[in-house]
Structures are given as C-alpha cells and as structure tokens.
Amino acid sequence: KACKKNESDSYIINGGFEDELYSENISLILKTLAKASDSNVGVSVLLSPHLFPKNLTGENIYSDAPEFIQYIVDAPIPKGMIEDYLRYFIPIISKYPSVTNICLSNEPLYDTRYSPEFYNPRFRDYLAEKYATIAEINSLYGTSYSDFSDTQMPTIKTPNRINMSEPLAYDWVLFNRSIFADWHKWMADIIK
C-alpha cells in the first residue's frame, strides 16, 4: 500500500516517529472507554481524519487549503494511512460496550479547488459523464470549448463564496460534494 515505509512496515502500526505519544494516546483512550463501560456511559468516538501529519512524505499530497482538511483526500498515501488507521483502531475500540457510535468527521470542509492539478482531470470526467457533448456545455456555460479537456473547475477567488447562478459553479459544487461524500462512504465501508 502507499502508506507503507517498506513492504513490512505501516506508518500507523509501526511509525517510529511518535511511539511514546501514540502509545500514551491509545492507552488513555482505552482507559476512558473501559471506565465509561464500567459506568454504563455511552461514548461517541470522533475519528478526526483532518488531523494528518504535515510533511510526512516528499510527494505532493497536501493541498493549499487554509482550513480543516489540508491534504488531498483521494491521494494514495493519505488514503492508505487512513485505511491502516481505521483497520487498526476500529477493532480495538469496538470491543467496548461504551462505544455507541463513531463520528467520521465533525463539521467537515473540503474544497477540491485547492488541488486543481489533482482534481481537474476528474472534474472533466465528471462533466463528460454528465453532458452528452461539449456543445451542450458551451450552450449552458456560454463558452467555446473545443472538447472536454479544455474545461476546468472554477478557480478560488473568494473561498467559500461561489456564485451558484453560474452553471459551471453549480456543476463544481455537485462534483465537490460527490468527492467528499464518496470519501466518507469509503471510510464507512472500511468500518462496517
């Protein structure tokens, strides 16, 4: 997997860069879950996938996003690391009756426009699947693209403020939401 340092190691299970902190945190979480179980108290576990180590690899897995998730959620390395984390952590905590639910992310934000090199090809595929021809897009958008490869996501001018009356903006919002929803579904499928 992409999250492996080599064939036999996993960053999550055997990272080596924060062994003591990692062990202490897991131990504290398990003690808390045990105490809650003994006290008949329910616990909602927040997975916090937005907390991701900075500068972990030399590969470009980080976006320019100023908030919340600052890595490319569909890049192989982050996905591999999150998958290892979930496959390691969920079986451990699921043994505790105090765990009433698992929250994938809390108040999540994700904007594919901060990673145009990664997402523009996927946005083009999305448009090609949605519209029969480039002529249909040109008619709707008021553009003169020669083919789908000319299209691209809206750029970031004023983050979090996009003119939804523009068809391109509307298509991008639907695309962006589908990327983020698919990412959450991917995590939920691992946990099941």
Protein backbone atom coordinates (compact mmCIF):
# COMPACT_ATOMS: atom_id res chain seq x y z
CA LYS A 1 0.00 0.00 0.00
CA ALA A 2 1.04 3.59 -0.46
CA CYS A 3 1.21 4.19 3.27
CA LYS A 4 3.96 1.63 3.80
CA LYS A 5 7.50 2.75 4.56
CA ASN A 6 8.56 -0.58 3.09
CA GLU A 7 6.90 -3.92 2.48
CA SER A 8 6.72 -4.95 6.15
CA ASP A 9 6.03 -1.68 7.96
CA SER A 10 2.99 0.51 8.33
CA TYR A 11 3.20 4.18 9.35
CA ILE A 12 0.21 3.70 11.63
CA ILE A 13 1.20 0.49 13.39
CA ASN A 14 4.96 0.97 13.39
CA GLY A 15 5.66 4.60 12.53
CA GLY A 16 8.60 5.14 14.83
CA PHE A 17 8.20 8.91 14.74
CA GLU A 18 5.97 9.23 17.81
CA ASP A 19 5.91 5.85 19.56
CA GLU A 20 5.61 7.19 23.10
CA LEU A 21 2.93 9.74 22.26
CA TYR A 22 1.00 7.21 20.20
CA SER A 23 1.09 4.56 22.95
CA GLU A 24 0.04 7.08 25.59
CA ASN A 25 -2.88 8.31 23.49
CA ILE A 26 -4.17 4.82 22.73
CA SER A 27 -3.79 3.83 26.37
CA LEU A 28 -5.70 6.92 27.52
CA ILE A 29 -8.50 6.28 25.01
CA LEU A 30 -8.83 2.64 26.07
CA LYS A 31 -8.86 3.55 29.79
CA THR A 32 -11.57 6.12 29.10
CA LEU A 33 -13.66 3.62 27.14
CA ALA A 34 -13.25 1.00 29.89
CA LYS A 35 -14.26 3.48 32.59
CA ALA A 36 -17.27 4.57 30.53
CA SER A 37 -18.26 0.92 30.02
CA ASP A 38 -17.98 0.25 33.76
CA SER A 39 -20.11 3.34 34.45
CA ASN A 40 -22.69 2.49 31.79
CA VAL A 41 -21.92 5.70 29.89
CA GLY A 42 -22.07 5.95 26.10
CA VAL A 43 -19.18 7.41 24.10
CA SER A 44 -19.20 8.89 20.63
CA VAL A 45 -15.76 8.38 19.10
CA LEU A 46 -14.61 11.12 16.73
CA LEU A 47 -12.06 9.74 14.26
CA SER A 48 -10.65 13.18 13.30
CA PRO A 49 -9.28 12.37 9.84
CA HIS A 50 -8.45 16.05 9.43
CA LEU A 51 -5.57 15.64 11.89
CA PHE A 52 -2.89 14.48 9.50
CA PRO A 53 0.88 14.81 9.89
CA LYS A 54 2.48 17.62 7.90
CA ASN A 55 5.45 17.00 5.63
CA LEU A 56 5.26 13.23 6.00
CA THR A 57 6.49 12.41 2.53
CA GLY A 58 8.23 14.12 -0.32
CA GLU A 59 5.18 13.52 -2.50
CA ASN A 60 2.65 16.25 -3.16
CA ILE A 61 -0.25 15.04 -1.03
CA TYR A 62 -1.08 18.38 0.57
CA SER A 63 -3.49 20.96 -0.77
CA ASP A 64 -3.28 24.71 -0.34
CA ALA A 65 -6.47 24.71 1.73
CA PRO A 66 -6.32 27.11 4.68
CA GLU A 67 -8.72 25.14 6.84
CA PHE A 68 -9.85 21.72 8.08
CA ILE A 69 -8.53 19.02 5.71
CA GLN A 70 -5.26 20.20 4.22
CA TYR A 71 -4.34 17.12 2.23
CA ILE A 72 -5.75 15.56 -0.93
CA VAL A 73 -8.28 13.04 0.38
CA ASP A 74 -8.07 10.88 -2.75
CA ALA A 75 -4.27 10.74 -2.95
CA PRO A 76 -2.95 7.19 -2.40
CA ILE A 77 -0.70 7.93 0.60
CA PRO A 78 -3.32 9.66 2.79
CA LYS A 79 -5.94 7.08 1.82
CA GLY A 80 -3.58 4.24 2.68
CA MET A 81 -2.68 5.79 6.02
CA ILE A 82 -6.29 6.42 6.94
CA GLU A 83 -7.22 2.89 5.92
CA ASP A 84 -4.44 1.47 8.12
CA TYR A 85 -5.57 3.70 10.99
CA LEU A 86 -9.19 2.57 10.68
CA ARG A 87 -8.34 -1.13 10.31
CA TYR A 88 -6.09 -0.91 13.38
CA PHE A 89 -8.16 1.36 15.63
CA ILE A 90 -11.78 0.31 14.99
CA PRO A 91 -11.39 -3.35 16.04
CA ILE A 92 -9.75 -2.22 19.28
CA ILE A 93 -12.44 0.28 20.29
CA SER A 94 -15.37 -1.81 19.04
CA LYS A 95 -14.80 -4.26 21.91
CA TYR A 96 -16.03 -1.66 24.39
CA PRO A 97 -19.80 -1.53 25.03
CA SER A 98 -19.46 2.17 25.84
CA VAL A 99 -18.84 2.98 22.15
CA THR A 100 -22.31 3.98 20.96
CA ASN A 101 -21.28 5.49 17.64
CA ILE A 102 -18.35 6.54 15.52
CA CYS A 103 -18.23 10.04 14.04
CA LEU A 104 -16.26 10.03 10.79
CA SER A 105 -15.65 13.78 10.84
CA ASN A 106 -17.08 16.76 12.64
CA GLU A 107 -18.08 19.91 10.73
CA PRO A 108 -16.06 18.85 7.69
CA LEU A 109 -14.99 21.15 4.90
CA TYR A 110 -13.25 20.15 1.69
CA ASP A 111 -12.64 22.19 -1.43
CA THR A 112 -11.18 20.46 -4.48
CA ARG A 113 -10.28 23.87 -5.99
CA TYR A 114 -7.24 23.95 -3.69
CA SER A 115 -5.82 20.95 -5.59
CA PRO A 116 -6.59 21.71 -9.25
CA GLU A 117 -3.76 19.59 -10.67
CA PHE A 118 -5.21 16.55 -8.93
CA TYR A 119 -8.93 17.23 -9.41
CA ASN A 120 -9.28 18.97 -12.79
CA PRO A 121 -8.93 15.66 -14.71
CA ARG A 122 -11.63 14.12 -12.52
CA PHE A 123 -13.83 17.18 -12.95
CA ARG A 124 -13.51 16.83 -16.73
CA ASP A 125 -14.53 13.17 -16.48
CA TYR A 126 -17.48 14.21 -14.31
CA LEU A 127 -18.62 16.72 -16.93
CA ALA A 128 -18.14 14.24 -19.78
CA GLU A 129 -20.33 11.76 -17.92
CA LYS A 130 -22.99 14.35 -17.12
CA TYR A 131 -23.21 16.03 -20.52
CA ALA A 132 -23.55 14.28 -23.86
CA THR A 133 -21.40 16.70 -25.84
CA ILE A 134 -19.09 19.66 -25.38
CA ALA A 135 -21.65 21.66 -27.38
CA GLU A 136 -24.14 21.12 -24.55
CA ILE A 137 -21.65 22.58 -22.06
CA ASN A 138 -20.84 25.50 -24.37
CA SER A 139 -24.52 26.29 -24.71
CA LEU A 140 -25.10 26.11 -20.96
CA TYR A 141 -21.90 27.84 -19.84
CA GLY A 142 -21.70 30.39 -22.66
CA THR A 143 -18.23 29.12 -23.60
CA SER A 144 -16.49 27.91 -26.73
CA TYR A 145 -14.55 24.86 -25.54
CA SER A 146 -13.36 22.57 -28.32
CA ASP A 147 -13.56 19.46 -26.12
CA PHE A 148 -13.84 18.34 -22.50
CA SER A 149 -10.08 18.63 -21.96
CA ASP A 150 -10.47 22.44 -22.18
CA THR A 151 -12.79 22.59 -19.18
CA GLN A 152 -11.65 23.12 -15.63
CA MET A 153 -13.03 23.74 -12.17
CA PRO A 154 -13.72 27.32 -11.08
CA THR A 155 -10.67 28.95 -9.53
CA ILE A 156 -10.52 30.26 -6.00
CA LYS A 157 -11.18 33.97 -5.95
CA THR A 158 -13.14 34.31 -2.75
CA PRO A 159 -13.06 30.99 -0.89
CA ASN A 160 -16.42 29.74 0.35
CA ARG A 161 -18.25 32.29 -1.81
CA ILE A 162 -19.23 30.93 -5.18
CA ASN A 163 -21.91 32.31 -7.49
CA MET A 164 -24.37 29.45 -7.65
CA SER A 165 -26.27 31.11 -10.50
CA GLU A 166 -23.38 30.18 -12.81
CA PRO A 167 -23.81 26.68 -14.31
CA LEU A 168 -20.07 25.93 -14.00
CA ALA A 169 -20.17 26.79 -10.31
CA TYR A 170 -23.24 24.62 -9.79
CA ASP A 171 -21.59 21.68 -11.56
CA TRP A 172 -18.44 22.14 -9.49
CA VAL A 173 -20.39 22.20 -6.20
CA LEU A 174 -22.10 18.92 -7.13
CA PHE A 175 -18.72 17.45 -8.13
CA ASN A 176 -17.02 18.66 -4.93
CA ARG A 177 -19.83 17.27 -2.76
CA SER A 178 -19.66 13.92 -4.52
CA ILE A 179 -15.88 13.70 -3.94
CA PHE A 180 -16.30 14.42 -0.23
CA ALA A 181 -19.35 12.17 0.18
CA ASP A 182 -17.55 9.32 -1.60
CA TRP A 183 -14.56 9.77 0.73
CA HIS A 184 -16.81 9.49 3.80
CA LYS A 185 -18.56 6.46 2.30
CA TRP A 186 -15.16 4.88 1.67
CA MET A 187 -14.28 5.30 5.38
CA ALA A 188 -17.68 4.00 6.48
CA ASP A 189 -17.29 0.90 4.27
CA ILE A 190 -13.95 0.13 5.94
CA ILE A 191 -15.51 0.43 9.38
CA LYS A 192 -18.52 -1.82 8.63
